[in-house]
Amino acid sequence: MAKPATIQVKLESTAGTGYFYVAKKNPRKTTEKLEFRKYDPKARKHVAFKETKLK
């Protein structure tokens, strides 16, 4: 069987709270790192979330 095209990545909060989301990404189509503005419940506001490796 072929390997799946998508990988799981961790979107970690830039607010320093340690909160993160897990997202899927196709590294063949999207080569740059993901960055989204999402809600951080620990900081209680929308902040930037940047892609890091999921261990």
Protein backbone atom coordinates (compact mmCIF):
# COMPACT_ATOMS: atom_id res chain seq x y z
CA MET A 1 0.00 0.00 0.00
CA ALA A 2 1.07 3.56 -0.65
CA LYS A 3 1.82 5.98 2.16
CA PRO A 4 -0.81 8.69 2.75
CA ALA A 5 -0.07 12.09 1.22
CA THR A 6 -0.99 14.04 4.37
CA ILE A 7 0.97 14.29 7.60
CA GLN A 8 -0.12 15.56 10.99
CA VAL A 9 1.51 18.75 12.28
CA LYS A 10 1.23 20.60 15.57
CA LEU A 11 0.08 24.23 15.54
CA GLU A 12 1.51 25.76 18.71
CA SER A 13 0.38 29.06 20.25
CA THR A 14 2.76 32.01 20.02
CA ALA A 15 1.29 33.37 23.27
CA GLY A 16 3.50 30.95 25.20
CA THR A 17 0.65 29.13 26.94
CA GLY A 18 1.58 25.70 25.60
CA TYR A 19 -1.82 25.24 23.94
CA PHE A 20 -1.79 23.57 20.51
CA TYR A 21 -4.00 22.27 17.73
CA VAL A 22 -3.29 19.25 15.52
CA ALA A 23 -3.80 19.77 11.77
CA LYS A 24 -3.23 17.78 8.60
CA LYS A 25 -0.98 19.05 5.83
CA ASN A 26 0.03 17.79 2.38
CA PRO A 27 3.80 18.53 2.28
CA ARG A 28 3.93 18.01 -1.50
CA LYS A 29 1.47 20.84 -2.18
CA THR A 30 2.18 23.12 0.82
CA THR A 31 5.92 23.30 1.35
CA GLU A 32 6.00 26.36 3.64
CA LYS A 33 5.10 26.21 7.33
CA LEU A 34 1.47 26.78 8.30
CA GLU A 35 0.44 29.82 10.33
CA PHE A 36 -3.12 30.60 11.41
CA ARG A 37 -4.86 32.99 13.79
CA LYS A 38 -6.94 30.78 16.07
CA TYR A 39 -8.47 30.98 19.53
CA ASP A 40 -6.27 30.20 22.54
CA PRO A 41 -8.55 29.38 25.51
CA LYS A 42 -5.73 29.77 28.04
CA ALA A 43 -4.92 33.31 26.82
CA ARG A 44 -8.66 33.88 26.14
CA LYS A 45 -8.07 35.60 22.79
CA HIS A 46 -7.14 34.92 19.17
CA VAL A 47 -3.39 34.59 18.62
CA ALA A 48 -1.09 33.31 15.87
CA PHE A 49 -0.42 29.57 15.84
CA LYS A 50 2.72 28.36 14.04
CA GLU A 51 3.57 24.88 12.78
CA THR A 52 5.97 22.69 14.75
CA LYS A 53 6.74 18.98 14.60
CA LEU A 54 4.31 16.58 16.23
CA LYS A 55 6.31 14.19 18.43
